[in-house]
Structure formats: C-alpha cells, structure tokens
Amino acid sequence: MGVIHIDLPESVLVSTGQSREEFVQDAKFFLALKLFELGRISSGRAAEICETPRIEFLLRAGRAGVPVADLDAEEMDREFADA
C-alpha cells in the first residue's frame, strides 16, 4: 500500500494534548469515518485505514454519530420484524 503524507504544524499536537501516535490514530479514524459517511469507501476499507477490526470501526462510528446502516422505513420494518 502506498503512503500519503500530510504536513501539519507541530502546534497541532500541543493544542490537542495528544501524543503524535494518538493524533495519527485519531486522524486516520476521522478521515476514514468521513469517507465512509460520504459513501466513498466501505466500512471494511475504513477499518483497514484505521488498522482496526471492522466491527470495532462500526461501533466507534455509531458512537461518533455516523449511521452505520442506510435502511429506509420499510427495510427497517422487515429487518426488525422478528426481533
């Protein structure tokens, strides 16, 4: 896999209070999350970017307020009819 570098000032770390590693992990997650939210990548690909299991990405996405399923009302009724 190729690598993309993004230049950011070191002051970003100071303002977030994070270590470099924590910031990089958060940046990967939020980039993957936004691309997933926009429908540009799958949840599986987003999880790969974050270097995390897919289910963990989906759970974290839900906690961040991003819907992880795109079902209309009829599909929701069918999905939960037996629940």
PDB file of N, CA and C in Angstrom:
ATOM      1  N   MET A   1       0.857  -1.174   0.000  1.00  0.00           N
ATOM      2  CA  MET A   1       0.000   0.000   0.000  1.00  0.00           C
ATOM      3  C   MET A   1       0.896   1.228   0.000  1.00  0.00           C
ATOM      4  N   GLY A   2       0.547   2.209  -0.806  1.00  0.00           N
ATOM      5  CA  GLY A   2       1.270   3.475  -0.832  1.00  0.00           C
ATOM      6  C   GLY A   2       0.978   4.291   0.415  1.00  0.00           C
ATOM      7  N   VAL A   3       1.755   5.303   0.611  1.00  0.00           N
ATOM      8  CA  VAL A   3       1.616   6.158   1.793  1.00  0.00           C
ATOM      9  C   VAL A   3       1.374   7.587   1.336  1.00  0.00           C
ATOM     10  N   ILE A   4       0.468   8.254   2.012  1.00  0.00           N
ATOM     11  CA  ILE A   4       0.193   9.670   1.768  1.00  0.00           C
ATOM     12  C   ILE A   4       0.667  10.441   2.991  1.00  0.00           C
ATOM     13  N   HIS A   5       1.450  11.471   2.765  1.00  0.00           N
ATOM     14  CA  HIS A   5       1.932  12.316   3.859  1.00  0.00           C
ATOM     15  C   HIS A   5       1.172  13.638   3.830  1.00  0.00           C
ATOM     16  N   ILE A   6       0.759  14.084   5.002  1.00  0.00           N
ATOM     17  CA  ILE A   6       0.098  15.381   5.141  1.00  0.00           C
ATOM     18  C   ILE A   6       0.923  16.202   6.111  1.00  0.00           C
ATOM     19  N   ASP A   7       1.365  17.355   5.680  1.00  0.00           N
ATOM     20  CA  ASP A   7       2.160  18.225   6.539  1.00  0.00           C
ATOM     21  C   ASP A   7       1.246  19.062   7.428  1.00  0.00           C
ATOM     22  N   LEU A   8       1.500  18.984   8.725  1.00  0.00           N
ATOM     23  CA  LEU A   8       0.773  19.784   9.708  1.00  0.00           C
ATOM     24  C   LEU A   8       1.778  20.377  10.676  1.00  0.00           C
ATOM     25  N   PRO A   9       1.500  21.553  11.184  1.00  0.00           N
ATOM     26  CA  PRO A   9       2.437  22.147  12.144  1.00  0.00           C
ATOM     27  C   PRO A   9       2.430  21.368  13.470  1.00  0.00           C
ATOM     28  N   GLU A  10       3.586  21.307  14.113  1.00  0.00           N
ATOM     29  CA  GLU A  10       3.702  20.629  15.411  1.00  0.00           C
ATOM     30  C   GLU A  10       2.749  21.215  16.452  1.00  0.00           C
ATOM     31  N   SER A  11       2.375  22.468  16.276  1.00  0.00           N
ATOM     32  CA  SER A  11       1.486  23.116  17.251  1.00  0.00           C
ATOM     33  C   SER A  11       0.130  22.421  17.354  1.00  0.00           C
ATOM     34  N   VAL A  12      -0.238  21.663  16.335  1.00  0.00           N
ATOM     35  CA  VAL A  12      -1.495  20.910  16.377  1.00  0.00           C
ATOM     36  C   VAL A  12      -1.468  19.929  17.542  1.00  0.00           C
ATOM     37  N   LEU A  13      -0.325  19.286  17.756  1.00  0.00           N
ATOM     38  CA  LEU A  13      -0.224  18.337  18.862  1.00  0.00           C
ATOM     39  C   LEU A  13      -0.392  19.021  20.205  1.00  0.00           C
ATOM     40  N   VAL A  14       0.193  20.192  20.357  1.00  0.00           N
ATOM     41  CA  VAL A  14       0.091  20.929  21.619  1.00  0.00           C
ATOM     42  C   VAL A  14      -1.363  21.288  21.898  1.00  0.00           C
ATOM     43  N   SER A  15      -2.062  21.763  20.876  1.00  0.00           N
ATOM     44  CA  SER A  15      -3.445  22.199  21.079  1.00  0.00           C
ATOM     45  C   SER A  15      -4.394  21.037  21.346  1.00  0.00           C
ATOM     46  N   THR A  16      -4.059  19.828  20.872  1.00  0.00           N
ATOM     47  CA  THR A  16      -4.934  18.678  21.133  1.00  0.00           C
ATOM     48  C   THR A  16      -4.580  17.974  22.424  1.00  0.00           C
ATOM     49  N   GLY A  17      -3.352  18.173  22.900  1.00  0.00           N
ATOM     50  CA  GLY A  17      -2.912  17.500  24.114  1.00  0.00           C
ATOM     51  C   GLY A  17      -2.619  16.025  23.892  1.00  0.00           C
ATOM     52  N   GLN A  18      -2.461  15.623  22.644  1.00  0.00           N
ATOM     53  CA  GLN A  18      -2.223  14.229  22.322  1.00  0.00           C
ATOM     54  C   GLN A  18      -0.760  13.993  21.974  1.00  0.00           C
ATOM     55  N   SER A  19      -0.364  12.741  22.115  1.00  0.00           N
ATOM     56  CA  SER A  19       0.950  12.360  21.614  1.00  0.00           C
ATOM     57  C   SER A  19       0.847  12.273  20.089  1.00  0.00           C
ATOM     58  N   ARG A  20       1.970  12.209  19.435  1.00  0.00           N
ATOM     59  CA  ARG A  20       1.989  12.082  17.976  1.00  0.00           C
ATOM     60  C   ARG A  20       1.213  10.824  17.544  1.00  0.00           C
ATOM     61  N   GLU A  21       1.439   9.708  18.238  1.00  0.00           N
ATOM     62  CA  GLU A  21       0.783   8.447  17.890  1.00  0.00           C
ATOM     63  C   GLU A  21      -0.730   8.535  18.066  1.00  0.00           C
ATOM     64  N   GLU A  22      -1.176   9.148  19.182  1.00  0.00           N
ATOM     65  CA  GLU A  22      -2.617   9.307  19.407  1.00  0.00           C
ATOM     66  C   GLU A  22      -3.246  10.180  18.332  1.00  0.00           C
ATOM     67  N   PHE A  23      -2.560  11.246  17.974  1.00  0.00           N
ATOM     68  CA  PHE A  23      -3.078  12.152  16.950  1.00  0.00           C
ATOM     69  C   PHE A  23      -3.191  11.440  15.608  1.00  0.00           C
ATOM     70  N   VAL A  24      -2.175  10.684  15.238  1.00  0.00           N
ATOM     71  CA  VAL A  24      -2.183   9.965  13.956  1.00  0.00           C
ATOM     72  C   VAL A  24      -3.336   8.958  13.926  1.00  0.00           C
ATOM     73  N   GLN A  25      -3.531   8.231  15.017  1.00  0.00           N
ATOM     74  CA  GLN A  25      -4.634   7.255  15.061  1.00  0.00           C
ATOM     75  C   GLN A  25      -5.988   7.951  14.939  1.00  0.00           C
ATOM     76  N   ASP A  26      -6.169   9.055  15.654  1.00  0.00           N
ATOM     77  CA  ASP A  26      -7.427   9.810  15.549  1.00  0.00           C
ATOM     78  C   ASP A  26      -7.619  10.364  14.141  1.00  0.00           C
ATOM     79  N   ALA A  27      -6.550  10.890  13.558  1.00  0.00           N
ATOM     80  CA  ALA A  27      -6.644  11.459  12.210  1.00  0.00           C
ATOM     81  C   ALA A  27      -7.034  10.388  11.200  1.00  0.00           C
ATOM     82  N   LYS A  28      -6.444   9.204  11.307  1.00  0.00           N
ATOM     83  CA  LYS A  28      -6.808   8.102  10.418  1.00  0.00           C
ATOM     84  C   LYS A  28      -8.281   7.737  10.591  1.00  0.00           C
ATOM     85  N   PHE A  29      -8.721   7.647  11.854  1.00  0.00           N
ATOM     86  CA  PHE A  29     -10.109   7.283  12.110  1.00  0.00           C
ATOM     87  C   PHE A  29     -11.065   8.322  11.527  1.00  0.00           C
ATOM     88  N   PHE A  30     -10.819   9.599  11.809  1.00  0.00           N
ATOM     89  CA  PHE A  30     -11.757  10.623  11.348  1.00  0.00           C
ATOM     90  C   PHE A  30     -11.746  10.788   9.832  1.00  0.00           C
ATOM     91  N   LEU A  31     -10.616  10.581   9.195  1.00  0.00           N
ATOM     92  CA  LEU A  31     -10.572  10.598   7.739  1.00  0.00           C
ATOM     93  C   LEU A  31     -11.374   9.424   7.184  1.00  0.00           C
ATOM     94  N   ALA A  32     -11.125   8.228   7.712  1.00  0.00           N
ATOM     95  CA  ALA A  32     -11.854   7.041   7.263  1.00  0.00           C
ATOM     96  C   ALA A  32     -13.347   7.183   7.544  1.00  0.00           C
ATOM     97  N   LEU A  33     -13.686   7.733   8.708  1.00  0.00           N
ATOM     98  CA  LEU A  33     -15.084   7.921   9.080  1.00  0.00           C
ATOM     99  C   LEU A  33     -15.795   8.844   8.096  1.00  0.00           C
ATOM    100  N   LYS A  34     -15.176   9.946   7.753  1.00  0.00           N
ATOM    101  CA  LYS A  34     -15.802  10.896   6.828  1.00  0.00           C
ATOM    102  C   LYS A  34     -15.962  10.284   5.438  1.00  0.00           C
ATOM    103  N   LEU A  35     -14.931   9.590   4.965  1.00  0.00           N
ATOM    104  CA  LEU A  35     -15.034   8.947   3.657  1.00  0.00           C
ATOM    105  C   LEU A  35     -16.132   7.884   3.654  1.00  0.00           C
ATOM    106  N   PHE A  36     -16.263   7.145   4.751  1.00  0.00           N
ATOM    107  CA  PHE A  36     -17.336   6.157   4.897  1.00  0.00           C
ATOM    108  C   PHE A  36     -18.702   6.844   4.919  1.00  0.00           C
ATOM    109  N   GLU A  37     -18.799   7.909   5.705  1.00  0.00           N
ATOM    110  CA  GLU A  37     -20.061   8.656   5.814  1.00  0.00           C
ATOM    111  C   GLU A  37     -20.507   9.193   4.455  1.00  0.00           C
ATOM    112  N   LEU A  38     -19.561   9.629   3.638  1.00  0.00           N
ATOM    113  CA  LEU A  38     -19.878  10.157   2.310  1.00  0.00           C
ATOM    114  C   LEU A  38     -20.146   9.057   1.290  1.00  0.00           C
ATOM    115  N   GLY A  39     -19.931   7.811   1.682  1.00  0.00           N
ATOM    116  CA  GLY A  39     -20.167   6.691   0.781  1.00  0.00           C
ATOM    117  C   GLY A  39     -19.047   6.458  -0.214  1.00  0.00           C
ATOM    118  N   ARG A  40     -17.885   7.030   0.045  1.00  0.00           N
ATOM    119  CA  ARG A  40     -16.755   6.890  -0.882  1.00  0.00           C
ATOM    120  C   ARG A  40     -15.961   5.616  -0.646  1.00  0.00           C
ATOM    121  N   ILE A  41     -16.027   5.072   0.575  1.00  0.00           N
ATOM    122  CA  ILE A  41     -15.362   3.803   0.873  1.00  0.00           C
ATOM    123  C   ILE A  41     -16.294   2.944   1.723  1.00  0.00           C
ATOM    124  N   SER A  42     -16.040   1.648   1.718  1.00  0.00           N
ATOM    125  CA  SER A  42     -16.825   0.713   2.521  1.00  0.00           C
ATOM    126  C   SER A  42     -16.362   0.740   3.977  1.00  0.00           C
ATOM    127  N   SER A  43     -17.156   0.149   4.839  1.00  0.00           N
ATOM    128  CA  SER A  43     -16.756   0.060   6.243  1.00  0.00           C
ATOM    129  C   SER A  43     -15.523  -0.824   6.391  1.00  0.00           C
ATOM    130  N   GLY A  44     -15.413  -1.829   5.558  1.00  0.00           N
ATOM    131  CA  GLY A  44     -14.236  -2.695   5.599  1.00  0.00           C
ATOM    132  C   GLY A  44     -12.964  -1.937   5.242  1.00  0.00           C
ATOM    133  N   ARG A  45     -13.055  -1.135   4.192  1.00  0.00           N
ATOM    134  CA  ARG A  45     -11.889  -0.334   3.782  1.00  0.00           C
ATOM    135  C   ARG A  45     -11.565   0.699   4.856  1.00  0.00           C
ATOM    136  N   ALA A  46     -12.586   1.304   5.437  1.00  0.00           N
ATOM    137  CA  ALA A  46     -12.377   2.284   6.512  1.00  0.00           C
ATOM    138  C   ALA A  46     -11.668   1.635   7.696  1.00  0.00           C
ATOM    139  N   ALA A  47     -12.077   0.429   8.030  1.00  0.00           N
ATOM    140  CA  ALA A  47     -11.432  -0.295   9.128  1.00  0.00           C
ATOM    141  C   ALA A  47      -9.967  -0.578   8.816  1.00  0.00           C
ATOM    142  N   GLU A  48      -9.678  -0.906   7.548  1.00  0.00           N
ATOM    143  CA  GLU A  48      -8.284  -1.129   7.149  1.00  0.00           C
ATOM    144  C   GLU A  48      -7.454   0.132   7.353  1.00  0.00           C
ATOM    145  N   ILE A  49      -8.007   1.274   6.967  1.00  0.00           N
ATOM    146  CA  ILE A  49      -7.293   2.544   7.133  1.00  0.00           C
ATOM    147  C   ILE A  49      -6.983   2.781   8.608  1.00  0.00           C
ATOM    148  N   CYS A  50      -7.934   2.464   9.459  1.00  0.00           N
ATOM    149  CA  CYS A  50      -7.768   2.666  10.910  1.00  0.00           C
ATOM    150  C   CYS A  50      -6.945   1.564  11.570  1.00  0.00           C
ATOM    151  N   GLU A  51      -6.655   0.511  10.812  1.00  0.00           N
ATOM    152  CA  GLU A  51      -5.943  -0.639  11.363  1.00  0.00           C
ATOM    153  C   GLU A  51      -6.683  -1.214  12.561  1.00  0.00           C
ATOM    154  N   THR A  52      -7.990  -1.417  12.373  1.00  0.00           N
ATOM    155  CA  THR A  52      -8.854  -1.926  13.429  1.00  0.00           C
ATOM    156  C   THR A  52      -9.837  -2.928  12.832  1.00  0.00           C
ATOM    157  N   PRO A  53     -10.368  -3.842  13.618  1.00  0.00           N
ATOM    158  CA  PRO A  53     -11.386  -4.754  13.096  1.00  0.00           C
ATOM    159  C   PRO A  53     -12.627  -3.972  12.628  1.00  0.00           C
ATOM    160  N   ARG A  54     -13.303  -4.494  11.608  1.00  0.00           N
ATOM    161  CA  ARG A  54     -14.462  -3.813  11.028  1.00  0.00           C
ATOM    162  C   ARG A  54     -15.537  -3.537  12.072  1.00  0.00           C
ATOM    163  N   ILE A  55     -15.854  -4.512  12.917  1.00  0.00           N
ATOM    164  CA  ILE A  55     -16.912  -4.316  13.919  1.00  0.00           C
ATOM    165  C   ILE A  55     -16.540  -3.199  14.879  1.00  0.00           C
ATOM    166  N   GLU A  56     -15.261  -3.106  15.230  1.00  0.00           N
ATOM    167  CA  GLU A  56     -14.808  -2.023  16.115  1.00  0.00           C
ATOM    168  C   GLU A  56     -14.988  -0.663  15.431  1.00  0.00           C
ATOM    169  N   PHE A  57     -14.650  -0.602  14.134  1.00  0.00           N
ATOM    170  CA  PHE A  57     -14.863   0.642  13.391  1.00  0.00           C
ATOM    171  C   PHE A  57     -16.342   1.011  13.387  1.00  0.00           C
ATOM    172  N   LEU A  58     -17.219   0.041  13.108  1.00  0.00           N
ATOM    173  CA  LEU A  58     -18.656   0.319  13.056  1.00  0.00           C
ATOM    174  C   LEU A  58     -19.192   0.783  14.407  1.00  0.00           C
ATOM    175  N   LEU A  59     -18.736   0.162  15.475  1.00  0.00           N
ATOM    176  CA  LEU A  59     -19.176   0.581  16.811  1.00  0.00           C
ATOM    177  C   LEU A  59     -18.708   2.003  17.114  1.00  0.00           C
ATOM    178  N   ARG A  60     -17.464   2.273  16.775  1.00  0.00           N
ATOM    179  CA  ARG A  60     -16.917   3.618  17.021  1.00  0.00           C
ATOM    180  C   ARG A  60     -17.609   4.660  16.146  1.00  0.00           C
ATOM    181  N   ALA A  61     -17.934   4.292  14.907  1.00  0.00           N
ATOM    182  CA  ALA A  61     -18.659   5.193  14.010  1.00  0.00           C
ATOM    183  C   ALA A  61     -20.024   5.537  14.595  1.00  0.00           C
ATOM    184  N   GLY A  62     -20.717   4.531  15.102  1.00  0.00           N
ATOM    185  CA  GLY A  62     -22.021   4.763  15.730  1.00  0.00           C
ATOM    186  C   GLY A  62     -21.915   5.690  16.926  1.00  0.00           C
ATOM    187  N   ARG A  63     -20.886   5.490  17.743  1.00  0.00           N
ATOM    188  CA  ARG A  63     -20.688   6.370  18.912  1.00  0.00           C
ATOM    189  C   ARG A  63     -20.363   7.793  18.475  1.00  0.00           C
ATOM    190  N   ALA A  64     -19.771   7.942  17.285  1.00  0.00           N
ATOM    191  CA  ALA A  64     -19.442   9.270  16.757  1.00  0.00           C
ATOM    192  C   ALA A  64     -20.649   9.912  16.059  1.00  0.00           C
ATOM    193  N   GLY A  65     -21.775   9.197  16.031  1.00  0.00           N
ATOM    194  CA  GLY A  65     -22.996   9.758  15.450  1.00  0.00           C
ATOM    195  C   GLY A  65     -23.157   9.525  13.958  1.00  0.00           C
ATOM    196  N   VAL A  66     -22.340   8.648  13.391  1.00  0.00           N
ATOM    197  CA  VAL A  66     -22.457   8.342  11.959  1.00  0.00           C
ATOM    198  C   VAL A  66     -23.267   7.054  11.809  1.00  0.00           C
ATOM    199  N   PRO A  67     -24.377   7.110  11.084  1.00  0.00           N
ATOM    200  CA  PRO A  67     -25.172   5.892  10.883  1.00  0.00           C
ATOM    201  C   PRO A  67     -24.356   4.829  10.166  1.00  0.00           C
ATOM    202  N   VAL A  68     -24.493   3.592  10.622  1.00  0.00           N
ATOM    203  CA  VAL A  68     -23.722   2.514  10.011  1.00  0.00           C
ATOM    204  C   VAL A  68     -24.576   1.655   9.086  1.00  0.00           C
ATOM    205  N   ALA A  69     -25.866   1.964   8.995  1.00  0.00           N
ATOM    206  CA  ALA A  69     -26.765   1.273   8.068  1.00  0.00           C
ATOM    207  C   ALA A  69     -27.608   2.318   7.368  1.00  0.00           C
ATOM    208  N   ASP A  70     -27.909   2.067   6.125  1.00  0.00           N
ATOM    209  CA  ASP A  70     -28.695   3.003   5.327  1.00  0.00           C
ATOM    210  C   ASP A  70     -29.974   2.304   4.876  1.00  0.00           C
ATOM    211  N   LEU A  71     -30.921   2.184   5.811  1.00  0.00           N
ATOM    212  CA  LEU A  71     -32.173   1.489   5.532  1.00  0.00           C
ATOM    213  C   LEU A  71     -33.332   2.475   5.548  1.00  0.00           C
ATOM    214  N   ASP A  72     -34.266   2.308   4.604  1.00  0.00           N
ATOM    215  CA  ASP A  72     -35.467   3.133   4.654  1.00  0.00           C
ATOM    216  C   ASP A  72     -36.444   2.504   5.646  1.00  0.00           C
ATOM    217  N   ALA A  73     -37.581   3.149   5.878  1.00  0.00           N
ATOM    218  CA  ALA A  73     -38.539   2.698   6.893  1.00  0.00           C
ATOM    219  C   ALA A  73     -39.031   1.276   6.618  1.00  0.00           C
ATOM    220  N   GLU A  74     -39.305   0.969   5.371  1.00  0.00           N
ATOM    221  CA  GLU A  74     -39.794  -0.369   5.016  1.00  0.00           C
ATOM    222  C   GLU A  74     -38.730  -1.431   5.288  1.00  0.00           C
ATOM    223  N   GLU A  75     -37.501  -1.127   4.932  1.00  0.00           N
ATOM    224  CA  GLU A  75     -36.403  -2.060   5.187  1.00  0.00           C
ATOM    225  C   GLU A  75     -36.192  -2.250   6.690  1.00  0.00           C
ATOM    226  N   MET A  76     -36.332  -1.175   7.453  1.00  0.00           N
ATOM    227  CA  MET A  76     -36.200  -1.266   8.908  1.00  0.00           C
ATOM    228  C   MET A  76     -37.279  -2.177   9.489  1.00  0.00           C
ATOM    229  N   ASP A  77     -38.517  -1.999   9.011  1.00  0.00           N
ATOM    230  CA  ASP A  77     -39.614  -2.850   9.486  1.00  0.00           C
ATOM    231  C   ASP A  77     -39.331  -4.325   9.218  1.00  0.00           C
ATOM    232  N   ARG A  78     -38.862  -4.626   8.009  1.00  0.00           N
ATOM    233  CA  ARG A  78     -38.539  -6.017   7.665  1.00  0.00           C
ATOM    234  C   ARG A  78     -37.377  -6.526   8.521  1.00  0.00           C
ATOM    235  N   GLU A  79     -36.379  -5.709   8.714  1.00  0.00           N
ATOM    236  CA  GLU A  79     -35.186  -6.120   9.463  1.00  0.00           C
ATOM    237  C   GLU A  79     -35.514  -6.464  10.902  1.00  0.00           C
ATOM    238  N   PHE A  80     -36.424  -5.696  11.514  1.00  0.00           N
ATOM    239  CA  PHE A  80     -36.729  -5.893  12.934  1.00  0.00           C
ATOM    240  C   PHE A  80     -38.076  -6.565  13.176  1.00  0.00           C
ATOM    241  N   ALA A  81     -38.680  -7.114  12.139  1.00  0.00           N
ATOM    242  CA  ALA A  81     -39.988  -7.769  12.281  1.00  0.00           C
ATOM    243  C   ALA A  81     -39.916  -8.967  13.224  1.00  0.00           C
ATOM    244  N   ASP A  82     -38.842  -9.686  13.195  1.00  0.00           N
ATOM    245  CA  ASP A  82     -38.707 -10.877  14.037  1.00  0.00           C
ATOM    246  C   ASP A  82     -38.022 -10.606  15.365  1.00  0.00           C
ATOM    247  N   ALA A  83     -37.656  -9.366  15.609  1.00  0.00           N
ATOM    248  CA  ALA A  83     -36.912  -9.030  16.827  1.00  0.00           C
ATOM    249  C   ALA A  83     -37.795  -8.976  18.040  1.00  0.00           C
TER     250      ALA A  83
END
